[in-house]
Amino acid sequence: MIKELDPVVLTENLPDEGLEAGDVGWVVMVHGEGAGFEVEFLTLAGETVSVVTVADRSVRPVAPKEIAHARKVA
C-alpha cells in the first residue's frame, strides 16, 4: 500500500508535465484511500520539476533491487 512520503515510479508518460514512465517521485498526499496520489518529482539537485495528481494506476511502489536512472528535463 502506497502512503505519504513513499517513493513511487511513474507508469505512464505525462508529456504536459515533462515526465516520462520510469521517473521517480515522492507521494505528498494520498487521495480517496489510495484511489489517487499527489506526487512531487524532483531533479537530483532537489529542484521541483512538477507536482501532479495522478490515479493509482499511474504509479507503482519502488521495488527492491531497482536503481535510479538520470535524464535531463526540459
PDB file of N, CA and C in Angstrom:
ATOM      1  N   MET A   1       0.843  -1.189   0.000  1.00  0.00           N
ATOM      2  CA  MET A   1       0.000   0.000   0.000  1.00  0.00           C
ATOM      3  C   MET A   1       0.884   1.247   0.000  1.00  0.00           C
ATOM      4  N   ILE A   2       0.637   2.133  -0.930  1.00  0.00           N
ATOM      5  CA  ILE A   2       1.402   3.381  -1.044  1.00  0.00           C
ATOM      6  C   ILE A   2       0.869   4.369  -0.021  1.00  0.00           C
ATOM      7  N   LYS A   3       1.803   5.025   0.682  1.00  0.00           N
ATOM      8  CA  LYS A   3       1.411   6.016   1.685  1.00  0.00           C
ATOM      9  C   LYS A   3       2.237   7.286   1.520  1.00  0.00           C
ATOM     10  N   GLU A   4       1.862   8.327   2.251  1.00  0.00           N
ATOM     11  CA  GLU A   4       2.580   9.602   2.168  1.00  0.00           C
ATOM     12  C   GLU A   4       4.067   9.408   2.433  1.00  0.00           C
ATOM     13  N   LEU A   5       4.872  10.128   1.654  1.00  0.00           N
ATOM     14  CA  LEU A   5       6.335  10.154   1.699  1.00  0.00           C
ATOM     15  C   LEU A   5       6.992   8.935   1.060  1.00  0.00           C
ATOM     16  N   ASP A   6       6.207   8.012   0.511  1.00  0.00           N
ATOM     17  CA  ASP A   6       6.782   6.869  -0.200  1.00  0.00           C
ATOM     18  C   ASP A   6       7.303   7.305  -1.565  1.00  0.00           C
ATOM     19  N   PRO A   7       8.427   6.750  -1.994  1.00  0.00           N
ATOM     20  CA  PRO A   7       8.839   6.954  -3.382  1.00  0.00           C
ATOM     21  C   PRO A   7       7.997   6.065  -4.281  1.00  0.00           C
ATOM     22  N   VAL A   8       7.654   6.568  -5.463  1.00  0.00           N
ATOM     23  CA  VAL A   8       6.869   5.808  -6.425  1.00  0.00           C
ATOM     24  C   VAL A   8       7.464   5.986  -7.819  1.00  0.00           C
ATOM     25  N   VAL A   9       7.133   5.060  -8.705  1.00  0.00           N
ATOM     26  CA  VAL A   9       7.598   5.101 -10.085  1.00  0.00           C
ATOM     27  C   VAL A   9       6.408   5.396 -10.985  1.00  0.00           C
ATOM     28  N   LEU A  10       6.568   6.366 -11.862  1.00  0.00           N
ATOM     29  CA  LEU A  10       5.525   6.708 -12.818  1.00  0.00           C
ATOM     30  C   LEU A  10       5.401   5.592 -13.860  1.00  0.00           C
ATOM     31  N   THR A  11       4.182   5.169 -14.157  1.00  0.00           N
ATOM     32  CA  THR A  11       3.982   4.061 -15.095  1.00  0.00           C
ATOM     33  C   THR A  11       3.520   4.515 -16.474  1.00  0.00           C
ATOM     34  N   GLU A  12       3.329   5.808 -16.661  1.00  0.00           N
ATOM     35  CA  GLU A  12       2.907   6.330 -17.962  1.00  0.00           C
ATOM     36  C   GLU A  12       3.534   7.702 -18.183  1.00  0.00           C
ATOM     37  N   ASN A  13       3.697   8.068 -19.442  1.00  0.00           N
ATOM     38  CA  ASN A  13       4.225   9.388 -19.770  1.00  0.00           C
ATOM     39  C   ASN A  13       3.193  10.456 -19.444  1.00  0.00           C
ATOM     40  N   LEU A  14       3.671  11.583 -18.930  1.00  0.00           N
ATOM     41  CA  LEU A  14       2.834  12.765 -18.709  1.00  0.00           C
ATOM     42  C   LEU A  14       3.515  13.923 -19.434  1.00  0.00           C
ATOM     43  N   PRO A  15       3.374  13.989 -20.762  1.00  0.00           N
ATOM     44  CA  PRO A  15       4.124  14.962 -21.552  1.00  0.00           C
ATOM     45  C   PRO A  15       3.849  16.423 -21.175  1.00  0.00           C
ATOM     46  N   ASP A  16       2.628  16.736 -20.763  1.00  0.00           N
ATOM     47  CA  ASP A  16       2.325  18.119 -20.372  1.00  0.00           C
ATOM     48  C   ASP A  16       3.117  18.546 -19.141  1.00  0.00           C
ATOM     49  N   GLU A  17       3.556  17.579 -18.352  1.00  0.00           N
ATOM     50  CA  GLU A  17       4.334  17.846 -17.140  1.00  0.00           C
ATOM     51  C   GLU A  17       5.831  17.635 -17.358  1.00  0.00           C
ATOM     52  N   GLY A  18       6.205  17.149 -18.543  1.00  0.00           N
ATOM     53  CA  GLY A  18       7.613  16.859 -18.811  1.00  0.00           C
ATOM     54  C   GLY A  18       8.096  15.600 -18.116  1.00  0.00           C
ATOM     55  N   LEU A  19       7.165  14.690 -17.813  1.00  0.00           N
ATOM     56  CA  LEU A  19       7.502  13.467 -17.087  1.00  0.00           C
ATOM     57  C   LEU A  19       7.357  12.252 -17.986  1.00  0.00           C
ATOM     58  N   GLU A  20       8.189  11.238 -17.720  1.00  0.00           N
ATOM     59  CA  GLU A  20       8.168  10.006 -18.505  1.00  0.00           C
ATOM     60  C   GLU A  20       7.998   8.803 -17.591  1.00  0.00           C
ATOM     61  N   ALA A  21       7.411   7.751 -18.149  1.00  0.00           N
ATOM     62  CA  ALA A  21       7.306   6.494 -17.413  1.00  0.00           C
ATOM     63  C   ALA A  21       8.693   6.118 -16.910  1.00  0.00           C
ATOM     64  N   GLY A  22       8.771   5.705 -15.667  1.00  0.00           N
ATOM     65  CA  GLY A  22      10.047   5.356 -15.042  1.00  0.00           C
ATOM     66  C   GLY A  22      10.595   6.441 -14.142  1.00  0.00           C
ATOM     67  N   ASP A  23      10.085   7.679 -14.272  1.00  0.00           N
ATOM     68  CA  ASP A  23      10.529   8.754 -13.380  1.00  0.00           C
ATOM     69  C   ASP A  23      10.091   8.430 -11.954  1.00  0.00           C
ATOM     70  N   VAL A  24      10.927   8.810 -11.005  1.00  0.00           N
ATOM     71  CA  VAL A  24      10.657   8.536  -9.592  1.00  0.00           C
ATOM     72  C   VAL A  24      10.216   9.830  -8.907  1.00  0.00           C
ATOM     73  N   GLY A  25       9.145   9.727  -8.133  1.00  0.00           N
ATOM     74  CA  GLY A  25       8.657  10.864  -7.368  1.00  0.00           C
ATOM     75  C   GLY A  25       8.313  10.423  -5.956  1.00  0.00           C
ATOM     76  N   TRP A  26       7.898  11.405  -5.130  1.00  0.00           N
ATOM     77  CA  TRP A  26       7.541  11.113  -3.738  1.00  0.00           C
ATOM     78  C   TRP A  26       6.116  11.560  -3.480  1.00  0.00           C
ATOM     79  N   VAL A  27       5.361  10.676  -2.850  1.00  0.00           N
ATOM     80  CA  VAL A  27       3.958  10.950  -2.545  1.00  0.00           C
ATOM     81  C   VAL A  27       3.888  12.013  -1.455  1.00  0.00           C
ATOM     82  N   VAL A  28       3.153  13.099  -1.749  1.00  0.00           N
ATOM     83  CA  VAL A  28       2.963  14.143  -0.745  1.00  0.00           C
ATOM     84  C   VAL A  28       1.540  14.141  -0.181  1.00  0.00           C
ATOM     85  N   MET A  29       0.630  13.435  -0.869  1.00  0.00           N
ATOM     86  CA  MET A  29      -0.735  13.320  -0.353  1.00  0.00           C
ATOM     87  C   MET A  29      -1.401  12.104  -0.984  1.00  0.00           C
ATOM     88  N   VAL A  30      -2.176  11.400  -0.182  1.00  0.00           N
ATOM     89  CA  VAL A  30      -2.964  10.264  -0.664  1.00  0.00           C
ATOM     90  C   VAL A  30      -4.412  10.721  -0.762  1.00  0.00           C
ATOM     91  N   HIS A  31      -5.058  10.442  -1.897  1.00  0.00           N
ATOM     92  CA  HIS A  31      -6.457  10.822  -2.113  1.00  0.00           C
ATOM     93  C   HIS A  31      -7.338   9.583  -2.110  1.00  0.00           C
ATOM     94  N   GLY A  32      -8.505   9.703  -1.534  1.00  0.00           N
ATOM     95  CA  GLY A  32      -9.522   8.651  -1.599  1.00  0.00           C
ATOM     96  C   GLY A  32      -9.031   7.279  -1.203  1.00  0.00           C
ATOM     97  N   GLU A  33      -8.322   7.187  -0.084  1.00  0.00           N
ATOM     98  CA  GLU A  33      -7.827   5.902   0.429  1.00  0.00           C
ATOM     99  C   GLU A  33      -7.003   5.132  -0.611  1.00  0.00           C
ATOM    100  N   GLY A  34      -6.223   5.878  -1.405  1.00  0.00           N
ATOM    101  CA  GLY A  34      -5.338   5.245  -2.372  1.00  0.00           C
ATOM    102  C   GLY A  34      -5.852   5.235  -3.799  1.00  0.00           C
ATOM    103  N   ALA A  35      -6.979   5.913  -4.063  1.00  0.00           N
ATOM    104  CA  ALA A  35      -7.505   5.985  -5.430  1.00  0.00           C
ATOM    105  C   ALA A  35      -6.650   6.895  -6.307  1.00  0.00           C
ATOM    106  N   GLY A  36      -5.916   7.793  -5.668  1.00  0.00           N
ATOM    107  CA  GLY A  36      -5.043   8.710  -6.378  1.00  0.00           C
ATOM    108  C   GLY A  36      -4.012   9.292  -5.429  1.00  0.00           C
ATOM    109  N   PHE A  37      -3.032   9.974  -6.013  1.00  0.00           N
ATOM    110  CA  PHE A  37      -1.928  10.499  -5.219  1.00  0.00           C
ATOM    111  C   PHE A  37      -1.465  11.836  -5.778  1.00  0.00           C
ATOM    112  N   GLU A  38      -1.020  12.713  -4.899  1.00  0.00           N
ATOM    113  CA  GLU A  38      -0.297  13.899  -5.316  1.00  0.00           C
ATOM    114  C   GLU A  38       1.175  13.543  -5.155  1.00  0.00           C
ATOM    115  N   VAL A  39       1.932  13.670  -6.243  1.00  0.00           N
ATOM    116  CA  VAL A  39       3.321  13.217  -6.272  1.00  0.00           C
ATOM    117  C   VAL A  39       4.223  14.363  -6.704  1.00  0.00           C
ATOM    118  N   GLU A  40       5.328  14.540  -5.989  1.00  0.00           N
ATOM    119  CA  GLU A  40       6.322  15.554  -6.338  1.00  0.00           C
ATOM    120  C   GLU A  40       7.495  14.872  -7.028  1.00  0.00           C
ATOM    121  N   PHE A  41       7.871  15.414  -8.184  1.00  0.00           N
ATOM    122  CA  PHE A  41       9.015  14.926  -8.943  1.00  0.00           C
ATOM    123  C   PHE A  41      10.101  15.988  -8.880  1.00  0.00           C
ATOM    124  N   LEU A  42      11.316  15.558  -8.538  1.00  0.00           N
ATOM    125  CA  LEU A  42      12.441  16.470  -8.315  1.00  0.00           C
ATOM    126  C   LEU A  42      13.627  16.107  -9.199  1.00  0.00           C
ATOM    127  N   THR A  43      14.457  17.116  -9.475  1.00  0.00           N
ATOM    128  CA  THR A  43      15.744  16.816 -10.092  1.00  0.00           C
ATOM    129  C   THR A  43      16.641  16.223  -9.015  1.00  0.00           C
ATOM    130  N   LEU A  44      17.762  15.654  -9.418  1.00  0.00           N
ATOM    131  CA  LEU A  44      18.706  15.103  -8.437  1.00  0.00           C
ATOM    132  C   LEU A  44      19.330  16.198  -7.583  1.00  0.00           C
ATOM    133  N   ALA A  45      19.249  17.454  -8.031  1.00  0.00           N
ATOM    134  CA  ALA A  45      19.751  18.584  -7.251  1.00  0.00           C
ATOM    135  C   ALA A  45      18.693  19.124  -6.284  1.00  0.00           C
ATOM    136  N   GLY A  46      17.490  18.531  -6.294  1.00  0.00           N
ATOM    137  CA  GLY A  46      16.449  18.921  -5.352  1.00  0.00           C
ATOM    138  C   GLY A  46      15.473  19.965  -5.860  1.00  0.00           C
ATOM    139  N   GLU A  47      15.542  20.334  -7.139  1.00  0.00           N
ATOM    140  CA  GLU A  47      14.618  21.309  -7.715  1.00  0.00           C
ATOM    141  C   GLU A  47      13.332  20.603  -8.129  1.00  0.00           C
ATOM    142  N   THR A  48      12.207  21.144  -7.721  1.00  0.00           N
ATOM    143  CA  THR A  48      10.926  20.555  -8.096  1.00  0.00           C
ATOM    144  C   THR A  48      10.691  20.722  -9.587  1.00  0.00           C
ATOM    145  N   VAL A  49      10.396  19.619 -10.264  1.00  0.00           N
ATOM    146  CA  VAL A  49      10.051  19.632 -11.682  1.00  0.00           C
ATOM    147  C   VAL A  49       8.543  19.792 -11.820  1.00  0.00           C
ATOM    148  N   SER A  50       7.805  19.030 -11.026  1.00  0.00           N
ATOM    149  CA  SER A  50       6.354  19.052 -11.121  1.00  0.00           C
ATOM    150  C   SER A  50       5.742  18.407  -9.887  1.00  0.00           C
ATOM    151  N   VAL A  51       4.581  18.902  -9.521  1.00  0.00           N
ATOM    152  CA  VAL A  51       3.737  18.253  -8.515  1.00  0.00           C
ATOM    153  C   VAL A  51       2.431  17.945  -9.230  1.00  0.00           C
ATOM    154  N   VAL A  52       2.098  16.667  -9.326  1.00  0.00           N
ATOM    155  CA  VAL A  52       0.922  16.261 -10.099  1.00  0.00           C
ATOM    156  C   VAL A  52       0.024  15.352  -9.278  1.00  0.00           C
ATOM    157  N   THR A  53      -1.252  15.392  -9.606  1.00  0.00           N
ATOM    158  CA  THR A  53      -2.211  14.460  -9.031  1.00  0.00           C
ATOM    159  C   THR A  53      -2.461  13.382 -10.071  1.00  0.00           C
ATOM    160  N   VAL A  54      -2.263  12.141  -9.672  1.00  0.00           N
ATOM    161  CA  VAL A  54      -2.400  11.012 -10.597  1.00  0.00           C
ATOM    162  C   VAL A  54      -3.295   9.938  -9.997  1.00  0.00           C
ATOM    163  N   ALA A  55      -3.907   9.149 -10.875  1.00  0.00           N
ATOM    164  CA  ALA A  55      -4.700   7.998 -10.440  1.00  0.00           C
ATOM    165  C   ALA A  55      -3.761   6.900  -9.962  1.00  0.00           C
ATOM    166  N   ASP A  56      -4.285   5.981  -9.186  1.00  0.00           N
ATOM    167  CA  ASP A  56      -3.464   4.893  -8.643  1.00  0.00           C
ATOM    168  C   ASP A  56      -2.800   4.062  -9.726  1.00  0.00           C
ATOM    169  N   ARG A  57      -3.407   3.968 -10.891  1.00  0.00           N
ATOM    170  CA  ARG A  57      -2.835   3.166 -11.983  1.00  0.00           C
ATOM    171  C   ARG A  57      -1.618   3.830 -12.623  1.00  0.00           C
ATOM    172  N   SER A  58      -1.396   5.099 -12.318  1.00  0.00           N
ATOM    173  CA  SER A  58      -0.311   5.864 -12.946  1.00  0.00           C
ATOM    174  C   SER A  58       1.017   5.766 -12.216  1.00  0.00           C
ATOM    175  N   VAL A  59       1.010   5.168 -11.031  1.00  0.00           N
ATOM    176  CA  VAL A  59       2.245   4.998 -10.259  1.00  0.00           C
ATOM    177  C   VAL A  59       2.265   3.612  -9.628  1.00  0.00           C
ATOM    178  N   ARG A  60       3.469   3.193  -9.281  1.00  0.00           N
ATOM    179  CA  ARG A  60       3.631   1.923  -8.568  1.00  0.00           C
ATOM    180  C   ARG A  60       4.701   2.110  -7.509  1.00  0.00           C
ATOM    181  N   PRO A  61       4.707   1.275  -6.496  1.00  0.00           N
ATOM    182  CA  PRO A  61       5.761   1.376  -5.484  1.00  0.00           C
ATOM    183  C   PRO A  61       7.131   1.066  -6.093  1.00  0.00           C
ATOM    184  N   VAL A  62       8.160   1.611  -5.497  1.00  0.00           N
ATOM    185  CA  VAL A  62       9.525   1.256  -5.870  1.00  0.00           C
ATOM    186  C   VAL A  62       9.764  -0.174  -5.401  1.00  0.00           C
ATOM    187  N   ALA A  63      10.314  -0.994  -6.279  1.00  0.00           N
ATOM    188  CA  ALA A  63      10.554  -2.402  -5.955  1.00  0.00           C
ATOM    189  C   ALA A  63      11.976  -2.601  -5.428  1.00  0.00           C
ATOM    190  N   PRO A  64      12.179  -3.651  -4.649  1.00  0.00           N
ATOM    191  CA  PRO A  64      13.532  -3.962  -4.193  1.00  0.00           C
ATOM    192  C   PRO A  64      14.447  -4.185  -5.402  1.00  0.00           C
ATOM    193  N   LYS A  65      15.690  -3.830  -5.236  1.00  0.00           N
ATOM    194  CA  LYS A  65      16.725  -4.036  -6.254  1.00  0.00           C
ATOM    195  C   LYS A  65      16.520  -3.208  -7.514  1.00  0.00           C
ATOM    196  N   GLU A  66      15.798  -2.086  -7.428  1.00  0.00           N
ATOM    197  CA  GLU A  66      15.698  -1.131  -8.541  1.00  0.00           C
ATOM    198  C   GLU A  66      16.746  -0.046  -8.315  1.00  0.00           C
ATOM    199  N   ILE A  67      17.220   0.516  -9.416  1.00  0.00           N
ATOM    200  CA  ILE A  67      18.212   1.586  -9.339  1.00  0.00           C
ATOM    201  C   ILE A  67      17.682   2.797 -10.118  1.00  0.00           C
ATOM    202  N   ALA A  68      17.958   3.982  -9.616  1.00  0.00           N
ATOM    203  CA  ALA A  68      17.509   5.201 -10.302  1.00  0.00           C
ATOM    204  C   ALA A  68      18.366   5.436 -11.541  1.00  0.00           C
ATOM    205  N   HIS A  69      17.785   6.104 -12.532  1.00  0.00           N
ATOM    206  CA  HIS A  69      18.468   6.421 -13.778  1.00  0.00           C
ATOM    207  C   HIS A  69      18.291   7.925 -14.015  1.00  0.00           C
ATOM    208  N   ALA A  70      19.362   8.616 -14.347  1.00  0.00           N
ATOM    209  CA  ALA A  70      19.303  10.058 -14.548  1.00  0.00           C
ATOM    210  C   ALA A  70      19.002  10.396 -16.010  1.00  0.00           C
ATOM    211  N   ARG A  71      18.194  11.448 -16.206  1.00  0.00           N
ATOM    212  CA  ARG A  71      17.944  12.005 -17.530  1.00  0.00           C
ATOM    213  C   ARG A  71      17.720  13.504 -17.374  1.00  0.00           C
ATOM    214  N   LYS A  72      18.030  14.270 -18.426  1.00  0.00           N
ATOM    215  CA  LYS A  72      17.805  15.716 -18.389  1.00  0.00           C
ATOM    216  C   LYS A  72      16.342  16.014 -18.646  1.00  0.00           C
ATOM    217  N   VAL A  73      15.842  17.047 -17.984  1.00  0.00           N
ATOM    218  CA  VAL A  73      14.483  17.506 -18.217  1.00  0.00           C
ATOM    219  C   VAL A  73      14.548  18.857 -18.900  1.00  0.00           C
ATOM    220  N   ALA A  74      13.490  19.168 -19.621  1.00  0.00           N
ATOM    221  CA  ALA A  74      13.450  20.439 -20.363  1.00  0.00           C
ATOM    222  C   ALA A  74      13.356  21.618 -19.423  1.00  0.00           C
TER     223      ALA A  74
END
